[in-house]
Amino acid sequence: VPAIEEIDALDTLQAIKSGRVIHVMVSESQLAVGTARLVLEGSKPGSGKIPNLPHIGRVAVKKTTRRKGIGEILMVELQQLARTMGFRGVTLSAQSQAAPFYTQLGYSARGSVYDDVGIPHQDMDLFFD
């Protein structure tokens, strides 16, 4: 994904300080190897988000450190944060090639596959017990 598409207003210190978003990072040998964010602000029509559910996004793990459980660590941490904050679940927009990873974590597909910046995506949700 081009950097111009990856960076947005939720990647700013102002967004973090305002409580609109929480960013998490995993490091290895003092280098960032994985990141993700939990968007807490309201959902917009057509955004693929469900009202009153936070949206997990920008999940990324460095290629050389994949398949070591880092993605799962990021997801579990954000899910636990959402649960602790009183949310009934979380939603995300998965790149289609990553959908099996999220399915393994208990996510269910919602709606049809759609294009986002030239990449097929699938909206997925996880509801807490």
N, C-alpha and C. Protein backbone atom coordinates (compact mmCIF):
# COMPACT_ATOMS: atom_id res chain seq x y z
N VAL A 1 0.85 -1.17 0.00
CA VAL A 1 0.00 0.00 0.00
C VAL A 1 0.90 1.24 0.00
N PRO A 2 0.65 2.18 -0.89
CA PRO A 2 1.46 3.40 -0.92
C PRO A 2 1.37 4.18 0.40
N ALA A 3 2.49 4.75 0.82
CA ALA A 3 2.54 5.49 2.09
C ALA A 3 1.49 6.59 2.15
N ILE A 4 1.20 7.21 1.03
CA ILE A 4 0.21 8.29 0.99
C ILE A 4 -1.17 7.78 1.43
N GLU A 5 -1.44 6.50 1.21
CA GLU A 5 -2.71 5.90 1.60
C GLU A 5 -2.68 5.40 3.05
N GLU A 6 -1.50 5.17 3.59
CA GLU A 6 -1.36 4.58 4.92
C GLU A 6 -1.45 5.60 6.05
N ILE A 7 -0.99 6.79 5.81
CA ILE A 7 -0.92 7.80 6.87
C ILE A 7 -2.14 8.69 6.79
N ASP A 8 -2.82 8.86 7.93
CA ASP A 8 -4.01 9.72 7.95
C ASP A 8 -4.08 10.48 9.27
N ALA A 9 -5.16 11.19 9.48
CA ALA A 9 -5.31 12.04 10.67
C ALA A 9 -5.30 11.25 11.97
N LEU A 10 -5.57 9.95 11.91
CA LEU A 10 -5.56 9.12 13.12
C LEU A 10 -4.15 8.68 13.50
N ASP A 11 -3.17 9.03 12.70
CA ASP A 11 -1.77 8.72 12.99
C ASP A 11 -1.06 9.89 13.65
N THR A 12 -1.80 10.87 14.11
CA THR A 12 -1.20 12.06 14.71
C THR A 12 -1.24 12.00 16.23
N LEU A 13 -0.33 12.74 16.83
CA LEU A 13 -0.30 12.84 18.29
C LEU A 13 -1.61 13.44 18.80
N GLN A 14 -2.17 14.38 18.06
CA GLN A 14 -3.44 14.99 18.44
C GLN A 14 -4.55 13.94 18.54
N ALA A 15 -4.62 13.02 17.58
CA ALA A 15 -5.65 11.98 17.59
C ALA A 15 -5.46 11.05 18.79
N ILE A 16 -4.21 10.74 19.10
CA ILE A 16 -3.93 9.88 20.25
C ILE A 16 -4.32 10.58 21.54
N LYS A 17 -3.89 11.84 21.70
CA LYS A 17 -4.19 12.59 22.92
C LYS A 17 -5.69 12.81 23.11
N SER A 18 -6.43 12.93 22.01
CA SER A 18 -7.87 13.18 22.10
C SER A 18 -8.65 11.91 22.44
N GLY A 19 -7.98 10.76 22.41
CA GLY A 19 -8.66 9.51 22.73
C GLY A 19 -9.42 8.91 21.56
N ARG A 20 -9.20 9.42 20.36
CA ARG A 20 -9.89 8.90 19.17
C ARG A 20 -9.30 7.58 18.71
N VAL A 21 -8.04 7.32 19.08
CA VAL A 21 -7.35 6.13 18.59
C VAL A 21 -6.29 5.68 19.60
N ILE A 22 -6.04 4.38 19.63
CA ILE A 22 -4.96 3.80 20.44
C ILE A 22 -4.06 3.04 19.49
N HIS A 23 -2.77 3.32 19.54
CA HIS A 23 -1.79 2.60 18.72
C HIS A 23 -1.00 1.65 19.61
N VAL A 24 -0.71 0.45 19.09
CA VAL A 24 0.15 -0.49 19.81
C VAL A 24 1.29 -0.91 18.88
N MET A 25 2.41 -1.31 19.49
CA MET A 25 3.58 -1.69 18.73
C MET A 25 4.28 -2.84 19.44
N VAL A 26 4.83 -3.76 18.66
CA VAL A 26 5.68 -4.82 19.19
C VAL A 26 7.09 -4.53 18.68
N SER A 27 8.07 -4.63 19.59
CA SER A 27 9.46 -4.41 19.17
C SER A 27 10.28 -5.67 19.46
N GLU A 28 11.33 -5.80 18.69
CA GLU A 28 12.28 -6.90 18.85
C GLU A 28 13.66 -6.31 18.65
N SER A 29 14.54 -6.51 19.61
CA SER A 29 15.89 -5.93 19.54
C SER A 29 15.83 -4.43 19.30
N GLN A 30 14.92 -3.77 19.97
CA GLN A 30 14.73 -2.32 19.93
C GLN A 30 14.30 -1.80 18.56
N LEU A 31 13.73 -2.67 17.72
CA LEU A 31 13.20 -2.26 16.43
C LEU A 31 11.73 -2.62 16.35
N ALA A 32 10.93 -1.72 15.81
CA ALA A 32 9.50 -2.00 15.63
C ALA A 32 9.34 -3.11 14.60
N VAL A 33 8.59 -4.16 14.96
CA VAL A 33 8.35 -5.26 14.03
C VAL A 33 6.86 -5.46 13.76
N GLY A 34 6.01 -4.79 14.54
CA GLY A 34 4.57 -4.91 14.32
C GLY A 34 3.83 -3.73 14.92
N THR A 35 2.78 -3.30 14.23
CA THR A 35 1.96 -2.19 14.73
C THR A 35 0.49 -2.46 14.39
N ALA A 36 -0.38 -1.80 15.12
CA ALA A 36 -1.82 -1.84 14.84
C ALA A 36 -2.46 -0.71 15.62
N ARG A 37 -3.72 -0.42 15.27
CA ARG A 37 -4.42 0.64 15.99
C ARG A 37 -5.88 0.25 16.22
N LEU A 38 -6.44 0.85 17.26
CA LEU A 38 -7.84 0.66 17.61
C LEU A 38 -8.51 2.03 17.51
N VAL A 39 -9.39 2.18 16.52
CA VAL A 39 -10.07 3.46 16.30
C VAL A 39 -11.35 3.47 17.13
N LEU A 40 -11.45 4.46 18.01
CA LEU A 40 -12.57 4.54 18.94
C LEU A 40 -13.64 5.52 18.51
N GLU A 41 -13.31 6.42 17.58
CA GLU A 41 -14.29 7.42 17.16
C GLU A 41 -15.42 6.77 16.38
N GLY A 42 -16.54 7.50 16.23
CA GLY A 42 -17.74 6.98 15.57
C GLY A 42 -17.51 6.52 14.15
N SER A 43 -18.37 5.63 13.71
CA SER A 43 -18.25 5.10 12.36
C SER A 43 -19.00 5.99 11.38
N LYS A 44 -18.58 5.93 10.13
CA LYS A 44 -19.19 6.72 9.06
C LYS A 44 -19.96 5.79 8.13
N PRO A 45 -21.09 6.24 7.57
CA PRO A 45 -21.81 5.40 6.61
C PRO A 45 -20.90 4.97 5.46
N GLY A 46 -20.98 3.70 5.11
CA GLY A 46 -20.18 3.18 4.02
C GLY A 46 -18.74 2.90 4.38
N SER A 47 -18.38 3.05 5.65
CA SER A 47 -16.99 2.84 6.05
C SER A 47 -16.70 1.39 6.38
N GLY A 48 -17.73 0.55 6.42
CA GLY A 48 -17.53 -0.84 6.81
C GLY A 48 -17.51 -1.03 8.30
N LYS A 49 -17.73 0.03 9.06
CA LYS A 49 -17.71 -0.05 10.51
C LYS A 49 -19.12 -0.22 11.05
N ILE A 50 -19.22 -0.86 12.20
CA ILE A 50 -20.51 -1.02 12.87
C ILE A 50 -20.59 0.03 13.97
N PRO A 51 -21.69 0.79 14.06
CA PRO A 51 -21.80 1.80 15.11
C PRO A 51 -21.55 1.20 16.49
N ASN A 52 -20.87 1.94 17.32
CA ASN A 52 -20.57 1.57 18.70
C ASN A 52 -19.59 0.41 18.84
N LEU A 53 -18.91 0.03 17.77
CA LEU A 53 -17.83 -0.95 17.86
C LEU A 53 -16.54 -0.28 17.40
N PRO A 54 -15.46 -0.44 18.16
CA PRO A 54 -14.19 0.11 17.69
C PRO A 54 -13.68 -0.68 16.49
N HIS A 55 -12.85 -0.03 15.70
CA HIS A 55 -12.35 -0.60 14.45
C HIS A 55 -10.85 -0.83 14.56
N ILE A 56 -10.41 -2.07 14.38
CA ILE A 56 -8.99 -2.38 14.35
C ILE A 56 -8.49 -2.12 12.93
N GLY A 57 -7.34 -1.46 12.84
CA GLY A 57 -6.80 -1.16 11.53
C GLY A 57 -5.30 -1.04 11.53
N ARG A 58 -4.77 -0.91 10.32
CA ARG A 58 -3.33 -0.71 10.10
C ARG A 58 -2.50 -1.79 10.79
N VAL A 59 -3.00 -3.03 10.78
CA VAL A 59 -2.25 -4.15 11.35
C VAL A 59 -1.13 -4.48 10.37
N ALA A 60 0.10 -4.39 10.84
CA ALA A 60 1.25 -4.65 9.96
C ALA A 60 2.37 -5.31 10.75
N VAL A 61 2.94 -6.36 10.17
CA VAL A 61 4.08 -7.05 10.77
C VAL A 61 5.18 -7.11 9.71
N LYS A 62 6.38 -6.75 10.12
CA LYS A 62 7.52 -6.77 9.22
C LYS A 62 7.67 -8.16 8.60
N LYS A 63 7.88 -8.22 7.29
CA LYS A 63 7.94 -9.51 6.58
C LYS A 63 8.91 -10.50 7.21
N THR A 64 10.06 -10.02 7.64
CA THR A 64 11.08 -10.93 8.19
C THR A 64 10.72 -11.49 9.56
N THR A 65 9.68 -10.96 10.18
CA THR A 65 9.29 -11.46 11.51
C THR A 65 7.88 -12.07 11.52
N ARG A 66 7.33 -12.31 10.34
CA ARG A 66 6.00 -12.93 10.28
C ARG A 66 6.07 -14.39 10.69
N ARG A 67 4.91 -14.93 11.06
CA ARG A 67 4.75 -16.33 11.49
C ARG A 67 5.46 -16.61 12.81
N LYS A 68 5.59 -15.57 13.63
CA LYS A 68 6.17 -15.71 14.96
C LYS A 68 5.15 -15.37 16.04
N GLY A 69 3.90 -15.14 15.65
CA GLY A 69 2.86 -14.82 16.62
C GLY A 69 2.69 -13.35 16.92
N ILE A 70 3.42 -12.49 16.23
CA ILE A 70 3.36 -11.05 16.50
C ILE A 70 2.00 -10.48 16.13
N GLY A 71 1.45 -10.89 15.00
CA GLY A 71 0.12 -10.42 14.61
C GLY A 71 -0.93 -10.80 15.64
N GLU A 72 -0.85 -12.02 16.13
CA GLU A 72 -1.81 -12.46 17.15
C GLU A 72 -1.64 -11.67 18.44
N ILE A 73 -0.41 -11.38 18.83
CA ILE A 73 -0.16 -10.57 20.02
C ILE A 73 -0.82 -9.20 19.88
N LEU A 74 -0.64 -8.57 18.73
CA LEU A 74 -1.26 -7.26 18.48
C LEU A 74 -2.78 -7.35 18.57
N MET A 75 -3.36 -8.35 17.92
CA MET A 75 -4.81 -8.49 17.90
C MET A 75 -5.38 -8.76 19.29
N VAL A 76 -4.76 -9.66 20.01
CA VAL A 76 -5.25 -9.99 21.36
C VAL A 76 -5.18 -8.76 22.26
N GLU A 77 -4.12 -7.99 22.15
CA GLU A 77 -3.99 -6.77 22.97
C GLU A 77 -5.09 -5.77 22.65
N LEU A 78 -5.35 -5.52 21.37
CA LEU A 78 -6.40 -4.57 21.01
C LEU A 78 -7.78 -5.08 21.40
N GLN A 79 -8.02 -6.37 21.23
CA GLN A 79 -9.30 -6.96 21.64
C GLN A 79 -9.49 -6.81 23.14
N GLN A 80 -8.43 -7.07 23.91
CA GLN A 80 -8.53 -6.94 25.36
C GLN A 80 -8.77 -5.49 25.77
N LEU A 81 -8.12 -4.56 25.11
CA LEU A 81 -8.36 -3.14 25.39
C LEU A 81 -9.83 -2.80 25.14
N ALA A 82 -10.36 -3.24 24.01
CA ALA A 82 -11.76 -2.96 23.67
C ALA A 82 -12.70 -3.58 24.70
N ARG A 83 -12.42 -4.81 25.10
CA ARG A 83 -13.26 -5.50 26.09
C ARG A 83 -13.22 -4.75 27.43
N THR A 84 -12.02 -4.36 27.84
CA THR A 84 -11.84 -3.64 29.11
C THR A 84 -12.58 -2.30 29.09
N MET A 85 -12.67 -1.69 27.92
CA MET A 85 -13.36 -0.40 27.79
C MET A 85 -14.87 -0.57 27.70
N GLY A 86 -15.35 -1.81 27.73
CA GLY A 86 -16.79 -2.06 27.75
C GLY A 86 -17.44 -2.28 26.40
N PHE A 87 -16.65 -2.40 25.34
CA PHE A 87 -17.22 -2.66 24.02
C PHE A 87 -17.66 -4.12 23.91
N ARG A 88 -18.66 -4.39 23.07
CA ARG A 88 -19.18 -5.75 22.92
C ARG A 88 -18.48 -6.53 21.82
N GLY A 89 -17.53 -5.90 21.14
CA GLY A 89 -16.77 -6.56 20.08
C GLY A 89 -15.93 -5.56 19.33
N VAL A 90 -15.33 -6.02 18.24
CA VAL A 90 -14.51 -5.17 17.38
C VAL A 90 -14.79 -5.51 15.93
N THR A 91 -14.46 -4.59 15.06
CA THR A 91 -14.63 -4.79 13.62
C THR A 91 -13.31 -4.44 12.93
N LEU A 92 -13.12 -4.96 11.72
CA LEU A 92 -11.93 -4.62 10.94
C LEU A 92 -12.22 -4.82 9.47
N SER A 93 -11.35 -4.27 8.65
CA SER A 93 -11.42 -4.44 7.19
C SER A 93 -10.14 -5.15 6.78
N ALA A 94 -10.24 -6.46 6.53
CA ALA A 94 -9.07 -7.28 6.24
C ALA A 94 -8.76 -7.30 4.76
N GLN A 95 -7.48 -7.24 4.43
CA GLN A 95 -7.10 -7.57 3.07
C GLN A 95 -7.51 -9.03 2.87
N SER A 96 -8.10 -9.35 1.74
CA SER A 96 -8.63 -10.70 1.51
C SER A 96 -7.59 -11.79 1.75
N GLN A 97 -6.35 -11.53 1.38
CA GLN A 97 -5.31 -12.53 1.58
C GLN A 97 -5.03 -12.78 3.06
N ALA A 98 -5.40 -11.85 3.94
CA ALA A 98 -5.19 -12.01 5.38
C ALA A 98 -6.44 -12.51 6.11
N ALA A 99 -7.56 -12.64 5.41
CA ALA A 99 -8.81 -13.07 6.05
C ALA A 99 -8.68 -14.39 6.80
N PRO A 100 -7.96 -15.40 6.28
CA PRO A 100 -7.83 -16.65 7.04
C PRO A 100 -7.17 -16.46 8.42
N PHE A 101 -6.23 -15.53 8.52
CA PHE A 101 -5.60 -15.22 9.81
C PHE A 101 -6.65 -14.73 10.80
N TYR A 102 -7.50 -13.81 10.37
CA TYR A 102 -8.53 -13.27 11.26
C TYR A 102 -9.60 -14.32 11.57
N THR A 103 -9.92 -15.17 10.60
CA THR A 103 -10.88 -16.25 10.85
C THR A 103 -10.35 -17.17 11.95
N GLN A 104 -9.05 -17.47 11.93
CA GLN A 104 -8.43 -18.29 12.98
C GLN A 104 -8.58 -17.66 14.35
N LEU A 105 -8.65 -16.35 14.40
CA LEU A 105 -8.79 -15.63 15.67
C LEU A 105 -10.25 -15.48 16.09
N GLY A 106 -11.18 -16.03 15.30
CA GLY A 106 -12.59 -16.00 15.66
C GLY A 106 -13.44 -14.98 14.94
N TYR A 107 -12.86 -14.25 13.99
CA TYR A 107 -13.61 -13.23 13.26
C TYR A 107 -14.52 -13.87 12.22
N SER A 108 -15.65 -13.22 11.95
CA SER A 108 -16.60 -13.66 10.93
C SER A 108 -16.69 -12.60 9.84
N ALA A 109 -16.76 -13.06 8.59
CA ALA A 109 -16.89 -12.14 7.46
C ALA A 109 -18.28 -11.52 7.45
N ARG A 110 -18.34 -10.25 7.01
CA ARG A 110 -19.61 -9.54 6.88
C ARG A 110 -19.63 -8.86 5.51
N GLY A 111 -20.69 -9.08 4.76
CA GLY A 111 -20.82 -8.42 3.46
C GLY A 111 -19.95 -9.06 2.39
N SER A 112 -19.80 -8.32 1.30
CA SER A 112 -19.05 -8.81 0.14
C SER A 112 -17.64 -8.23 0.12
N VAL A 113 -16.77 -8.89 -0.62
CA VAL A 113 -15.41 -8.39 -0.84
C VAL A 113 -15.51 -7.11 -1.67
N TYR A 114 -14.68 -6.13 -1.34
CA TYR A 114 -14.67 -4.85 -2.05
C TYR A 114 -13.24 -4.39 -2.26
N ASP A 115 -13.06 -3.42 -3.13
CA ASP A 115 -11.75 -2.89 -3.45
C ASP A 115 -11.44 -1.67 -2.59
N ASP A 116 -10.24 -1.64 -2.01
CA ASP A 116 -9.75 -0.47 -1.29
C ASP A 116 -8.32 -0.25 -1.75
N VAL A 117 -8.03 0.86 -2.36
CA VAL A 117 -6.74 1.22 -2.95
C VAL A 117 -6.16 0.09 -3.81
N GLY A 118 -7.02 -0.56 -4.59
CA GLY A 118 -6.58 -1.60 -5.50
C GLY A 118 -6.36 -2.96 -4.88
N ILE A 119 -6.76 -3.13 -3.62
CA ILE A 119 -6.57 -4.40 -2.91
C ILE A 119 -7.94 -4.91 -2.46
N PRO A 120 -8.26 -6.18 -2.73
CA PRO A 120 -9.53 -6.73 -2.25
C PRO A 120 -9.56 -6.79 -0.72
N HIS A 121 -10.67 -6.35 -0.13
CA HIS A 121 -10.85 -6.34 1.32
C HIS A 121 -12.16 -7.02 1.71
N GLN A 122 -12.21 -7.49 2.94
CA GLN A 122 -13.40 -8.12 3.51
C GLN A 122 -13.63 -7.54 4.90
N ASP A 123 -14.82 -7.01 5.16
CA ASP A 123 -15.15 -6.57 6.52
C ASP A 123 -15.36 -7.80 7.39
N MET A 124 -14.84 -7.73 8.62
CA MET A 124 -14.93 -8.85 9.54
C MET A 124 -15.21 -8.32 10.94
N ASP A 125 -15.89 -9.15 11.75
CA ASP A 125 -16.27 -8.75 13.10
C ASP A 125 -15.97 -9.86 14.09
N LEU A 126 -15.70 -9.46 15.33
CA LEU A 126 -15.55 -10.39 16.44
C LEU A 126 -16.39 -9.85 17.59
N PHE A 127 -17.34 -10.64 18.04
CA PHE A 127 -18.17 -10.25 19.18
C PHE A 127 -17.72 -11.03 20.40
N PHE A 128 -17.56 -10.32 21.52
CA PHE A 128 -17.10 -10.95 22.75
C PHE A 128 -18.25 -11.71 23.41
N ASP A 129 -17.91 -12.76 24.13
CA ASP A 129 -18.93 -13.54 24.85
C ASP A 129 -19.52 -12.76 26.00
